[in-house]
Amino acid sequence: VQLVESGGRLIQPGESLRLSCAASSSGSEILNLGWYRQAPGKQREVVAIIFHDKRTQYAGSVNGRFTISRDSKNTLSLQMNSLTSEDTAVYYCNAYTGAPPRAYWGQGTQVTVSS
């Protein structure tokens, strides 16, 4: 499984940003896709997950501001609105396959929210 994120950049508070992740697999079926983030000095945390049945799950801190989506080609997106400095982090794309059960990570994309 290969994951390539894009879209991270410096952005001002209150603005919107969209992240993308191109997920591809030459073998195992990708079941769940998700976005995680890691701020300086903090542990990596889940931001949002979209399951194979299209159910979504969000961290409380982003619920109502962020929207996760995926298309039939497993292109994952994260629409982020009303960004604040607390959203500054490296954002990672994550994929989970069921057979065999394994998680994969992208290289990360930096989002910096600052005036």
PDB file of N, CA and C in Angstrom:
ATOM      1  N   VAL A   1       0.856  -1.182   0.000  1.00  0.00           N
ATOM      2  CA  VAL A   1       0.000   0.000   0.000  1.00  0.00           C
ATOM      3  C   VAL A   1       0.892   1.232   0.000  1.00  0.00           C
ATOM      4  N   GLN A   2       0.584   2.161  -0.862  1.00  0.00           N
ATOM      5  CA  GLN A   2       1.317   3.431  -0.911  1.00  0.00           C
ATOM      6  C   GLN A   2       0.353   4.576  -0.663  1.00  0.00           C
ATOM      7  N   LEU A   3       0.826   5.521   0.128  1.00  0.00           N
ATOM      8  CA  LEU A   3       0.019   6.680   0.492  1.00  0.00           C
ATOM      9  C   LEU A   3       0.831   7.935   0.230  1.00  0.00           C
ATOM     10  N   VAL A   4       0.270   8.858  -0.521  1.00  0.00           N
ATOM     11  CA  VAL A   4       0.967  10.102  -0.832  1.00  0.00           C
ATOM     12  C   VAL A   4       0.050  11.267  -0.500  1.00  0.00           C
ATOM     13  N   GLU A   5       0.460  12.027   0.524  1.00  0.00           N
ATOM     14  CA  GLU A   5      -0.344  13.174   0.947  1.00  0.00           C
ATOM     15  C   GLU A   5       0.081  14.429   0.200  1.00  0.00           C
ATOM     16  N   SER A   6      -0.835  15.369   0.128  1.00  0.00           N
ATOM     17  CA  SER A   6      -0.533  16.679  -0.452  1.00  0.00           C
ATOM     18  C   SER A   6      -1.504  17.697   0.105  1.00  0.00           C
ATOM     19  N   GLY A   7      -1.133  18.960  -0.045  1.00  0.00           N
ATOM     20  CA  GLY A   7      -2.039  20.042   0.313  1.00  0.00           C
ATOM     21  C   GLY A   7      -1.636  20.851   1.529  1.00  0.00           C
ATOM     22  N   GLY A   8      -0.697  20.384   2.304  1.00  0.00           N
ATOM     23  CA  GLY A   8      -0.301  21.124   3.487  1.00  0.00           C
ATOM     24  C   GLY A   8       0.456  22.390   3.145  1.00  0.00           C
ATOM     25  N   ARG A   9       0.227  23.441   3.936  1.00  0.00           N
ATOM     26  CA  ARG A   9       0.929  24.717   3.724  1.00  0.00           C
ATOM     27  C   ARG A   9       0.676  25.641   4.887  1.00  0.00           C
ATOM     28  N   LEU A  10       1.248  26.817   4.818  1.00  0.00           N
ATOM     29  CA  LEU A  10       1.009  27.872   5.794  1.00  0.00           C
ATOM     30  C   LEU A  10      -0.312  28.550   5.452  1.00  0.00           C
ATOM     31  N   ILE A  11      -1.166  28.687   6.456  1.00  0.00           N
ATOM     32  CA  ILE A  11      -2.473  29.274   6.240  1.00  0.00           C
ATOM     33  C   ILE A  11      -2.846  30.123   7.448  1.00  0.00           C
ATOM     34  N   GLN A  12      -3.670  31.144   7.233  1.00  0.00           N
ATOM     35  CA  GLN A  12      -4.040  32.046   8.307  1.00  0.00           C
ATOM     36  C   GLN A  12      -5.223  31.492   9.112  1.00  0.00           C
ATOM     37  N   PRO A  13      -5.297  31.868  10.373  1.00  0.00           N
ATOM     38  CA  PRO A  13      -6.435  31.432  11.203  1.00  0.00           C
ATOM     39  C   PRO A  13      -7.767  31.829  10.577  1.00  0.00           C
ATOM     40  N   GLY A  14      -8.720  30.910  10.681  1.00  0.00           N
ATOM     41  CA  GLY A  14     -10.048  31.153  10.143  1.00  0.00           C
ATOM     42  C   GLY A  14     -10.235  30.716   8.714  1.00  0.00           C
ATOM     43  N   GLU A  15      -9.149  30.438   8.029  1.00  0.00           N
ATOM     44  CA  GLU A  15      -9.246  30.023   6.635  1.00  0.00           C
ATOM     45  C   GLU A  15      -9.468  28.519   6.518  1.00  0.00           C
ATOM     46  N   SER A  16      -9.638  28.078   5.279  1.00  0.00           N
ATOM     47  CA  SER A  16      -9.906  26.669   4.993  1.00  0.00           C
ATOM     48  C   SER A  16      -8.773  26.075   4.179  1.00  0.00           C
ATOM     49  N   LEU A  17      -8.646  24.760   4.297  1.00  0.00           N
ATOM     50  CA  LEU A  17      -7.602  24.044   3.568  1.00  0.00           C
ATOM     51  C   LEU A  17      -8.101  22.633   3.292  1.00  0.00           C
ATOM     52  N   ARG A  18      -7.685  22.106   2.166  1.00  0.00           N
ATOM     53  CA  ARG A  18      -8.077  20.739   1.809  1.00  0.00           C
ATOM     54  C   ARG A  18      -6.821  19.898   1.611  1.00  0.00           C
ATOM     55  N   LEU A  19      -6.767  18.790   2.323  1.00  0.00           N
ATOM     56  CA  LEU A  19      -5.676  17.832   2.173  1.00  0.00           C
ATOM     57  C   LEU A  19      -6.145  16.647   1.335  1.00  0.00           C
ATOM     58  N   SER A  20      -5.220  16.079   0.589  1.00  0.00           N
ATOM     59  CA  SER A  20      -5.533  14.900  -0.208  1.00  0.00           C
ATOM     60  C   SER A  20      -4.511  13.810   0.046  1.00  0.00           C
ATOM     61  N   CYS A  21      -4.944  12.580  -0.149  1.00  0.00           N
ATOM     62  CA  CYS A  21      -4.060  11.432  -0.012  1.00  0.00           C
ATOM     63  C   CYS A  21      -4.422  10.426  -1.101  1.00  0.00           C
ATOM     64  N   ALA A  22      -3.449  10.143  -1.933  1.00  0.00           N
ATOM     65  CA  ALA A  22      -3.651   9.131  -2.971  1.00  0.00           C
ATOM     66  C   ALA A  22      -3.226   7.787  -2.407  1.00  0.00           C
ATOM     67  N   ALA A  23      -4.190   6.897  -2.238  1.00  0.00           N
ATOM     68  CA  ALA A  23      -3.922   5.578  -1.669  1.00  0.00           C
ATOM     69  C   ALA A  23      -4.000   4.531  -2.762  1.00  0.00           C
ATOM     70  N   SER A  24      -2.990   3.690  -2.840  1.00  0.00           N
ATOM     71  CA  SER A  24      -2.992   2.628  -3.848  1.00  0.00           C
ATOM     72  C   SER A  24      -2.450   1.344  -3.238  1.00  0.00           C
ATOM     73  N   SER A  25      -2.945   0.241  -3.773  1.00  0.00           N
ATOM     74  CA  SER A  25      -2.515  -1.068  -3.279  1.00  0.00           C
ATOM     75  C   SER A  25      -2.380  -2.028  -4.441  1.00  0.00           C
ATOM     76  N   SER A  26      -1.324  -2.778  -4.430  1.00  0.00           N
ATOM     77  CA  SER A  26      -1.114  -3.776  -5.473  1.00  0.00           C
ATOM     78  C   SER A  26      -1.556  -5.157  -5.031  1.00  0.00           C
ATOM     79  N   GLY A  27      -2.076  -5.236  -3.792  1.00  0.00           N
ATOM     80  CA  GLY A  27      -2.473  -6.544  -3.288  1.00  0.00           C
ATOM     81  C   GLY A  27      -3.658  -6.462  -2.362  1.00  0.00           C
ATOM     82  N   SER A  28      -3.400  -6.164  -1.113  1.00  0.00           N
ATOM     83  CA  SER A  28      -4.450  -6.166  -0.103  1.00  0.00           C
ATOM     84  C   SER A  28      -5.487  -5.078  -0.350  1.00  0.00           C
ATOM     85  N   GLU A  29      -6.718  -5.414  -0.033  1.00  0.00           N
ATOM     86  CA  GLU A  29      -7.794  -4.431  -0.162  1.00  0.00           C
ATOM     87  C   GLU A  29      -7.709  -3.424   0.973  1.00  0.00           C
ATOM     88  N   ILE A  30      -7.815  -2.153   0.627  1.00  0.00           N
ATOM     89  CA  ILE A  30      -7.822  -1.101   1.637  1.00  0.00           C
ATOM     90  C   ILE A  30      -9.219  -1.002   2.224  1.00  0.00           C
ATOM     91  N   LEU A  31      -9.316  -1.169   3.527  1.00  0.00           N
ATOM     92  CA  LEU A  31     -10.624  -1.093   4.179  1.00  0.00           C
ATOM     93  C   LEU A  31     -10.907   0.315   4.693  1.00  0.00           C
ATOM     94  N   ASN A  32     -10.180   0.709   5.698  1.00  0.00           N
ATOM     95  CA  ASN A  32     -10.409   2.010   6.315  1.00  0.00           C
ATOM     96  C   ASN A  32      -9.292   2.980   5.943  1.00  0.00           C
ATOM     97  N   LEU A  33      -9.661   4.238   5.833  1.00  0.00           N
ATOM     98  CA  LEU A  33      -8.694   5.309   5.595  1.00  0.00           C
ATOM     99  C   LEU A  33      -8.898   6.387   6.646  1.00  0.00           C
ATOM    100  N   GLY A  34      -7.816   7.019   7.031  1.00  0.00           N
ATOM    101  CA  GLY A  34      -7.958   8.030   8.061  1.00  0.00           C
ATOM    102  C   GLY A  34      -6.871   9.074   8.014  1.00  0.00           C
ATOM    103  N   TRP A  35      -7.116  10.139   8.741  1.00  0.00           N
ATOM    104  CA  TRP A  35      -6.135  11.212   8.922  1.00  0.00           C
ATOM    105  C   TRP A  35      -5.760  11.281  10.394  1.00  0.00           C
ATOM    106  N   TYR A  36      -4.480  11.376  10.629  1.00  0.00           N
ATOM    107  CA  TYR A  36      -3.923  11.570  11.954  1.00  0.00           C
ATOM    108  C   TYR A  36      -3.046  12.817  11.908  1.00  0.00           C
ATOM    109  N   ARG A  37      -2.739  13.354  13.069  1.00  0.00           N
ATOM    110  CA  ARG A  37      -1.843  14.501  13.096  1.00  0.00           C
ATOM    111  C   ARG A  37      -0.950  14.448  14.328  1.00  0.00           C
ATOM    112  N   GLN A  38       0.186  15.097  14.178  1.00  0.00           N
ATOM    113  CA  GLN A  38       1.134  15.157  15.290  1.00  0.00           C
ATOM    114  C   GLN A  38       1.690  16.562  15.377  1.00  0.00           C
ATOM    115  N   ALA A  39       1.386  17.208  16.479  1.00  0.00           N
ATOM    116  CA  ALA A  39       1.909  18.546  16.735  1.00  0.00           C
ATOM    117  C   ALA A  39       3.248  18.433  17.455  1.00  0.00           C
ATOM    118  N   PRO A  40       4.076  19.469  17.383  1.00  0.00           N
ATOM    119  CA  PRO A  40       5.379  19.414  18.057  1.00  0.00           C
ATOM    120  C   PRO A  40       5.233  19.115  19.538  1.00  0.00           C
ATOM    121  N   GLY A  41       5.988  18.134  20.000  1.00  0.00           N
ATOM    122  CA  GLY A  41       5.976  17.786  21.413  1.00  0.00           C
ATOM    123  C   GLY A  41       4.774  16.984  21.870  1.00  0.00           C
ATOM    124  N   LYS A  42       3.932  16.579  20.922  1.00  0.00           N
ATOM    125  CA  LYS A  42       2.726  15.838  21.285  1.00  0.00           C
ATOM    126  C   LYS A  42       2.688  14.494  20.566  1.00  0.00           C
ATOM    127  N   GLN A  43       1.854  13.608  21.076  1.00  0.00           N
ATOM    128  CA  GLN A  43       1.689  12.314  20.439  1.00  0.00           C
ATOM    129  C   GLN A  43       0.794  12.425  19.212  1.00  0.00           C
ATOM    130  N   ARG A  44       0.974  11.484  18.312  1.00  0.00           N
ATOM    131  CA  ARG A  44       0.115  11.442  17.147  1.00  0.00           C
ATOM    132  C   ARG A  44      -1.305  11.112  17.593  1.00  0.00           C
ATOM    133  N   GLU A  45      -2.273  11.814  16.999  1.00  0.00           N
ATOM    134  CA  GLU A  45      -3.661  11.622  17.390  1.00  0.00           C
ATOM    135  C   GLU A  45      -4.535  11.450  16.151  1.00  0.00           C
ATOM    136  N   VAL A  46      -5.624  10.755  16.333  1.00  0.00           N
ATOM    137  CA  VAL A  46      -6.554  10.574  15.233  1.00  0.00           C
ATOM    138  C   VAL A  46      -7.321  11.863  14.995  1.00  0.00           C
ATOM    139  N   VAL A  47      -7.530  12.177  13.741  1.00  0.00           N
ATOM    140  CA  VAL A  47      -8.324  13.345  13.359  1.00  0.00           C
ATOM    141  C   VAL A  47      -9.688  12.883  12.846  1.00  0.00           C
ATOM    142  N   ALA A  48      -9.661  11.978  11.868  1.00  0.00           N
ATOM    143  CA  ALA A  48     -10.900  11.486  11.283  1.00  0.00           C
ATOM    144  C   ALA A  48     -10.622  10.166  10.578  1.00  0.00           C
ATOM    145  N   ILE A  49     -11.623   9.306  10.579  1.00  0.00           N
ATOM    146  CA  ILE A  49     -11.537   8.008   9.916  1.00  0.00           C
ATOM    147  C   ILE A  49     -12.785   7.813   9.079  1.00  0.00           C
ATOM    148  N   ILE A  50     -12.604   7.228   7.918  1.00  0.00           N
ATOM    149  CA  ILE A  50     -13.742   6.823   7.105  1.00  0.00           C
ATOM    150  C   ILE A  50     -13.596   5.321   6.868  1.00  0.00           C
ATOM    151  N   PHE A  51     -14.613   4.594   7.269  1.00  0.00           N
ATOM    152  CA  PHE A  51     -14.572   3.140   7.223  1.00  0.00           C
ATOM    153  C   PHE A  51     -15.004   2.631   5.849  1.00  0.00           C
ATOM    154  N   HIS A  52     -14.799   1.343   5.657  1.00  0.00           N
ATOM    155  CA  HIS A  52     -15.096   0.746   4.354  1.00  0.00           C
ATOM    156  C   HIS A  52     -16.568   0.883   3.991  1.00  0.00           C
ATOM    157  N   ASP A  53     -17.431   1.015   5.016  1.00  0.00           N
ATOM    158  CA  ASP A  53     -18.858   1.164   4.745  1.00  0.00           C
ATOM    159  C   ASP A  53     -19.284   2.631   4.706  1.00  0.00           C
ATOM    160  N   LYS A  54     -18.297   3.519   4.623  1.00  0.00           N
ATOM    161  CA  LYS A  54     -18.498   4.960   4.494  1.00  0.00           C
ATOM    162  C   LYS A  54     -18.881   5.660   5.803  1.00  0.00           C
ATOM    163  N   ARG A  55     -18.968   4.905   6.896  1.00  0.00           N
ATOM    164  CA  ARG A  55     -19.166   5.579   8.174  1.00  0.00           C
ATOM    165  C   ARG A  55     -17.942   6.432   8.467  1.00  0.00           C
ATOM    166  N   THR A  56     -18.184   7.539   9.183  1.00  0.00           N
ATOM    167  CA  THR A  56     -17.090   8.432   9.535  1.00  0.00           C
ATOM    168  C   THR A  56     -17.023   8.628  11.040  1.00  0.00           C
ATOM    169  N   GLN A  57     -15.838   8.964  11.485  1.00  0.00           N
ATOM    170  CA  GLN A  57     -15.606   9.215  12.909  1.00  0.00           C
ATOM    171  C   GLN A  57     -14.639  10.374  13.024  1.00  0.00           C
ATOM    172  N   TYR A  58     -14.917  11.292  13.920  1.00  0.00           N
ATOM    173  CA  TYR A  58     -14.090  12.491  14.065  1.00  0.00           C
ATOM    174  C   TYR A  58     -13.627  12.676  15.508  1.00  0.00           C
ATOM    175  N   ALA A  59     -12.463  13.272  15.641  1.00  0.00           N
ATOM    176  CA  ALA A  59     -12.036  13.708  16.957  1.00  0.00           C
ATOM    177  C   ALA A  59     -12.928  14.865  17.394  1.00  0.00           C
ATOM    178  N   GLY A  60     -13.157  14.950  18.678  1.00  0.00           N
ATOM    179  CA  GLY A  60     -14.030  16.000  19.176  1.00  0.00           C
ATOM    180  C   GLY A  60     -13.570  17.393  18.826  1.00  0.00           C
ATOM    181  N   SER A  61     -12.261  17.588  18.752  1.00  0.00           N
ATOM    182  CA  SER A  61     -11.710  18.921  18.509  1.00  0.00           C
ATOM    183  C   SER A  61     -11.937  19.402  17.082  1.00  0.00           C
ATOM    184  N   VAL A  62     -12.268  18.486  16.167  1.00  0.00           N
ATOM    185  CA  VAL A  62     -12.456  18.885  14.777  1.00  0.00           C
ATOM    186  C   VAL A  62     -13.882  18.650  14.296  1.00  0.00           C
ATOM    187  N   ASN A  63     -14.684  17.995  15.093  1.00  0.00           N
ATOM    188  CA  ASN A  63     -16.058  17.674  14.693  1.00  0.00           C
ATOM    189  C   ASN A  63     -16.820  18.952  14.372  1.00  0.00           C
ATOM    190  N   GLY A  64     -17.417  18.959  13.184  1.00  0.00           N
ATOM    191  CA  GLY A  64     -18.151  20.139  12.746  1.00  0.00           C
ATOM    192  C   GLY A  64     -17.319  21.109  11.926  1.00  0.00           C
ATOM    193  N   ARG A  65     -16.001  20.961  11.972  1.00  0.00           N
ATOM    194  CA  ARG A  65     -15.124  21.839  11.188  1.00  0.00           C
ATOM    195  C   ARG A  65     -14.444  21.085  10.048  1.00  0.00           C
ATOM    196  N   PHE A  66     -14.143  19.825  10.271  1.00  0.00           N
ATOM    197  CA  PHE A  66     -13.447  19.010   9.280  1.00  0.00           C
ATOM    198  C   PHE A  66     -14.408  17.994   8.680  1.00  0.00           C
ATOM    199  N   THR A  67     -14.173  17.672   7.415  1.00  0.00           N
ATOM    200  CA  THR A  67     -14.962  16.657   6.729  1.00  0.00           C
ATOM    201  C   THR A  67     -14.035  15.716   5.985  1.00  0.00           C
ATOM    202  N   ILE A  68     -14.172  14.428   6.262  1.00  0.00           N
ATOM    203  CA  ILE A  68     -13.362  13.418   5.588  1.00  0.00           C
ATOM    204  C   ILE A  68     -14.198  12.770   4.500  1.00  0.00           C
ATOM    205  N   SER A  69     -13.546  12.443   3.388  1.00  0.00           N
ATOM    206  CA  SER A  69     -14.251  11.782   2.295  1.00  0.00           C
ATOM    207  C   SER A  69     -13.261  10.927   1.510  1.00  0.00           C
ATOM    208  N   ARG A  70     -13.821   9.974   0.761  1.00  0.00           N
ATOM    209  CA  ARG A  70     -13.001   9.126  -0.097  1.00  0.00           C
ATOM    210  C   ARG A  70     -13.808   8.806  -1.350  1.00  0.00           C
ATOM    211  N   ASP A  71     -13.106   8.631  -2.449  1.00  0.00           N
ATOM    212  CA  ASP A  71     -13.814   8.286  -3.674  1.00  0.00           C
ATOM    213  C   ASP A  71     -13.562   6.819  -4.022  1.00  0.00           C
ATOM    214  N   SER A  72     -14.100   6.402  -5.123  1.00  0.00           N
ATOM    215  CA  SER A  72     -14.022   4.993  -5.505  1.00  0.00           C
ATOM    216  C   SER A  72     -12.606   4.541  -5.837  1.00  0.00           C
ATOM    217  N   LYS A  73     -11.717   5.482  -6.064  1.00  0.00           N
ATOM    218  CA  LYS A  73     -10.319   5.150  -6.347  1.00  0.00           C
ATOM    219  C   LYS A  73      -9.446   5.295  -5.109  1.00  0.00           C
ATOM    220  N   ASN A  74     -10.108   5.401  -3.943  1.00  0.00           N
ATOM    221  CA  ASN A  74      -9.381   5.541  -2.675  1.00  0.00           C
ATOM    222  C   ASN A  74      -8.528   6.801  -2.614  1.00  0.00           C
ATOM    223  N   THR A  75      -9.011   7.860  -3.209  1.00  0.00           N
ATOM    224  CA  THR A  75      -8.419   9.163  -2.959  1.00  0.00           C
ATOM    225  C   THR A  75      -9.111   9.739  -1.734  1.00  0.00           C
ATOM    226  N   LEU A  76      -8.308   9.967  -0.722  1.00  0.00           N
ATOM    227  CA  LEU A  76      -8.834  10.437   0.563  1.00  0.00           C
ATOM    228  C   LEU A  76      -8.669  11.947   0.648  1.00  0.00           C
ATOM    229  N   SER A  77      -9.677  12.609   1.180  1.00  0.00           N
ATOM    230  CA  SER A  77      -9.601  14.065   1.336  1.00  0.00           C
ATOM    231  C   SER A  77      -9.984  14.452   2.752  1.00  0.00           C
ATOM    232  N   LEU A  78      -9.467  15.597   3.154  1.00  0.00           N
ATOM    233  CA  LEU A  78      -9.854  16.181   4.429  1.00  0.00           C
ATOM    234  C   LEU A  78     -10.076  17.665   4.203  1.00  0.00           C
ATOM    235  N   GLN A  79     -11.315  18.075   4.273  1.00  0.00           N
ATOM    236  CA  GLN A  79     -11.669  19.488   4.162  1.00  0.00           C
ATOM    237  C   GLN A  79     -11.647  20.077   5.560  1.00  0.00           C
ATOM    238  N   MET A  80     -10.799  21.077   5.739  1.00  0.00           N
ATOM    239  CA  MET A  80     -10.624  21.679   7.057  1.00  0.00           C
ATOM    240  C   MET A  80     -11.064  23.129   7.012  1.00  0.00           C
ATOM    241  N   ASN A  81     -12.036  23.468   7.815  1.00  0.00           N
ATOM    242  CA  ASN A  81     -12.558  24.828   7.872  1.00  0.00           C
ATOM    243  C   ASN A  81     -12.297  25.448   9.236  1.00  0.00           C
ATOM    244  N   SER A  82     -12.355  26.754   9.272  1.00  0.00           N
ATOM    245  CA  SER A  82     -12.197  27.494  10.533  1.00  0.00           C
ATOM    246  C   SER A  82     -10.947  27.048  11.287  1.00  0.00           C
ATOM    247  N   LEU A  83      -9.852  27.039  10.589  1.00  0.00           N
ATOM    248  CA  LEU A  83      -8.612  26.559  11.190  1.00  0.00           C
ATOM    249  C   LEU A  83      -8.107  27.504  12.271  1.00  0.00           C
ATOM    250  N   THR A  84      -7.514  26.906  13.273  1.00  0.00           N
ATOM    251  CA  THR A  84      -6.897  27.676  14.357  1.00  0.00           C
ATOM    252  C   THR A  84      -5.461  27.206  14.535  1.00  0.00           C
ATOM    253  N   SER A  85      -4.732  27.918  15.359  1.00  0.00           N
ATOM    254  CA  SER A  85      -3.339  27.554  15.601  1.00  0.00           C
ATOM    255  C   SER A  85      -3.236  26.163  16.231  1.00  0.00           C
ATOM    256  N   GLU A  86      -4.288  25.737  16.903  1.00  0.00           N
ATOM    257  CA  GLU A  86      -4.296  24.411  17.516  1.00  0.00           C
ATOM    258  C   GLU A  86      -4.305  23.302  16.481  1.00  0.00           C
ATOM    259  N   ASP A  87      -4.610  23.636  15.256  1.00  0.00           N
ATOM    260  CA  ASP A  87      -4.622  22.639  14.177  1.00  0.00           C
ATOM    261  C   ASP A  87      -3.249  22.489  13.518  1.00  0.00           C
ATOM    262  N   THR A  88      -2.298  23.278  13.933  1.00  0.00           N
ATOM    263  CA  THR A  88      -0.952  23.183  13.375  1.00  0.00           C
ATOM    264  C   THR A  88      -0.333  21.836  13.737  1.00  0.00           C
ATOM    265  N   ALA A  89       0.076  21.107  12.712  1.00  0.00           N
ATOM    266  CA  ALA A  89       0.632  19.767  12.933  1.00  0.00           C
ATOM    267  C   ALA A  89       1.079  19.185  11.604  1.00  0.00           C
ATOM    268  N   VAL A  90       1.776  18.070  11.693  1.00  0.00           N
ATOM    269  CA  VAL A  90       2.005  17.258  10.504  1.00  0.00           C
ATOM    270  C   VAL A  90       0.829  16.291  10.403  1.00  0.00           C
ATOM    271  N   TYR A  91       0.188  16.287   9.257  1.00  0.00           N
ATOM    272  CA  TYR A  91      -0.983  15.436   9.035  1.00  0.00           C
ATOM    273  C   TYR A  91      -0.564  14.200   8.241  1.00  0.00           C
ATOM    274  N   TYR A  92      -0.964  13.045   8.747  1.00  0.00           N
ATOM    275  CA  TYR A  92      -0.598  11.770   8.145  1.00  0.00           C
ATOM    276  C   TYR A  92      -1.835  11.039   7.643  1.00  0.00           C
ATOM    277  N   CYS A  93      -1.698  10.469   6.485  1.00  0.00           N
ATOM    278  CA  CYS A  93      -2.727   9.597   5.936  1.00  0.00           C
ATOM    279  C   CYS A  93      -2.461   8.181   6.434  1.00  0.00           C
ATOM    280  N   ASN A  94      -3.514   7.472   6.763  1.00  0.00           N
ATOM    281  CA  ASN A  94      -3.399   6.114   7.285  1.00  0.00           C
ATOM    282  C   ASN A  94      -4.360   5.195   6.547  1.00  0.00           C
ATOM    283  N   ALA A  95      -3.879   4.011   6.234  1.00  0.00           N
ATOM    284  CA  ALA A  95      -4.730   3.011   5.588  1.00  0.00           C
ATOM    285  C   ALA A  95      -4.658   1.717   6.376  1.00  0.00           C
ATOM    286  N   TYR A  96      -5.785   1.039   6.444  1.00  0.00           N
ATOM    287  CA  TYR A  96      -5.848  -0.245   7.140  1.00  0.00           C
ATOM    288  C   TYR A  96      -6.378  -1.309   6.182  1.00  0.00           C
ATOM    289  N   THR A  97      -5.618  -2.394   6.106  1.00  0.00           N
ATOM    290  CA  THR A  97      -6.057  -3.525   5.294  1.00  0.00           C
ATOM    291  C   THR A  97      -6.459  -4.669   6.213  1.00  0.00           C
ATOM    292  N   GLY A  98      -7.411  -5.461   5.759  1.00  0.00           N
ATOM    293  CA  GLY A  98      -7.895  -6.547   6.597  1.00  0.00           C
ATOM    294  C   GLY A  98      -7.175  -7.859   6.412  1.00  0.00           C
ATOM    295  N   ALA A  99      -6.661  -8.051   5.205  1.00  0.00           N
ATOM    296  CA  ALA A  99      -6.026  -9.334   4.918  1.00  0.00           C
ATOM    297  C   ALA A  99      -4.719  -9.102   4.167  1.00  0.00           C
ATOM    298  N   PRO A 100      -3.599  -9.154   4.865  1.00  0.00           N
ATOM    299  CA  PRO A 100      -3.492  -9.317   6.317  1.00  0.00           C
ATOM    300  C   PRO A 100      -3.814  -8.009   7.036  1.00  0.00           C
ATOM    301  N   PRO A 101      -4.164  -8.076   8.309  1.00  0.00           N
ATOM    302  CA  PRO A 101      -4.463  -6.847   9.060  1.00  0.00           C
ATOM    303  C   PRO A 101      -3.188  -6.047   9.294  1.00  0.00           C
ATOM    304  N   ARG A 102      -3.186  -4.837   8.741  1.00  0.00           N
ATOM    305  CA  ARG A 102      -1.974  -4.034   8.837  1.00  0.00           C
ATOM    306  C   ARG A 102      -2.324  -2.581   8.583  1.00  0.00           C
ATOM    307  N   ALA A 103      -1.583  -1.690   9.234  1.00  0.00           N
ATOM    308  CA  ALA A 103      -1.762  -0.255   9.034  1.00  0.00           C
ATOM    309  C   ALA A 103      -0.572   0.297   8.264  1.00  0.00           C
ATOM    310  N   TYR A 104      -0.854   1.237   7.411  1.00  0.00           N
ATOM    311  CA  TYR A 104       0.169   1.893   6.593  1.00  0.00           C
ATOM    312  C   TYR A 104       0.080   3.390   6.809  1.00  0.00           C
ATOM    313  N   TRP A 105       1.229   4.056   6.651  1.00  0.00           N
ATOM    314  CA  TRP A 105       1.299   5.500   6.872  1.00  0.00           C
ATOM    315  C   TRP A 105       1.934   6.206   5.679  1.00  0.00           C
ATOM    316  N   GLY A 106       1.434   7.408   5.426  1.00  0.00           N
ATOM    317  CA  GLY A 106       2.072   8.268   4.452  1.00  0.00           C
ATOM    318  C   GLY A 106       3.230   9.013   5.091  1.00  0.00           C
ATOM    319  N   GLN A 107       3.887   9.852   4.308  1.00  0.00           N
ATOM    320  CA  GLN A 107       5.059  10.559   4.797  1.00  0.00           C
ATOM    321  C   GLN A 107       4.696  11.818   5.583  1.00  0.00           C
ATOM    322  N   GLY A 108       3.466  12.240   5.489  1.00  0.00           N
ATOM    323  CA  GLY A 108       3.021  13.416   6.232  1.00  0.00           C
ATOM    324  C   GLY A 108       3.088  14.692   5.422  1.00  0.00           C
ATOM    325  N   THR A 109       2.211  15.615   5.753  1.00  0.00           N
ATOM    326  CA  THR A 109       2.198  16.940   5.121  1.00  0.00           C
ATOM    327  C   THR A 109       1.989  17.974   6.213  1.00  0.00           C
ATOM    328  N   GLN A 110       2.801  19.030   6.162  1.00  0.00           N
ATOM    329  CA  GLN A 110       2.792  20.027   7.231  1.00  0.00           C
ATOM    330  C   GLN A 110       1.691  21.050   7.015  1.00  0.00           C
ATOM    331  N   VAL A 111       0.892  21.253   8.060  1.00  0.00           N
ATOM    332  CA  VAL A 111      -0.106  22.326   8.074  1.00  0.00           C
ATOM    333  C   VAL A 111       0.270  23.283   9.202  1.00  0.00           C
ATOM    334  N   THR A 112       0.472  24.525   8.847  1.00  0.00           N
ATOM    335  CA  THR A 112       0.813  25.541   9.832  1.00  0.00           C
ATOM    336  C   THR A 112      -0.230  26.640   9.766  1.00  0.00           C
ATOM    337  N   VAL A 113      -0.890  26.875  10.880  1.00  0.00           N
ATOM    338  CA  VAL A 113      -1.914  27.914  10.954  1.00  0.00           C
ATOM    339  C   VAL A 113      -1.347  29.060  11.777  1.00  0.00           C
ATOM    340  N   SER A 114      -1.096  30.162  11.107  1.00  0.00           N
ATOM    341  CA  SER A 114      -0.457  31.288  11.771  1.00  0.00           C
ATOM    342  C   SER A 114      -0.718  32.561  10.996  1.00  0.00           C
ATOM    343  N   SER A 115      -0.833  33.662  11.734  1.00  0.00           N
ATOM    344  CA  SER A 115      -0.999  34.955  11.082  1.00  0.00           C
ATOM    345  C   SER A 115       0.359  35.610  10.842  1.00  0.00           C
TER     346      SER A 115
END
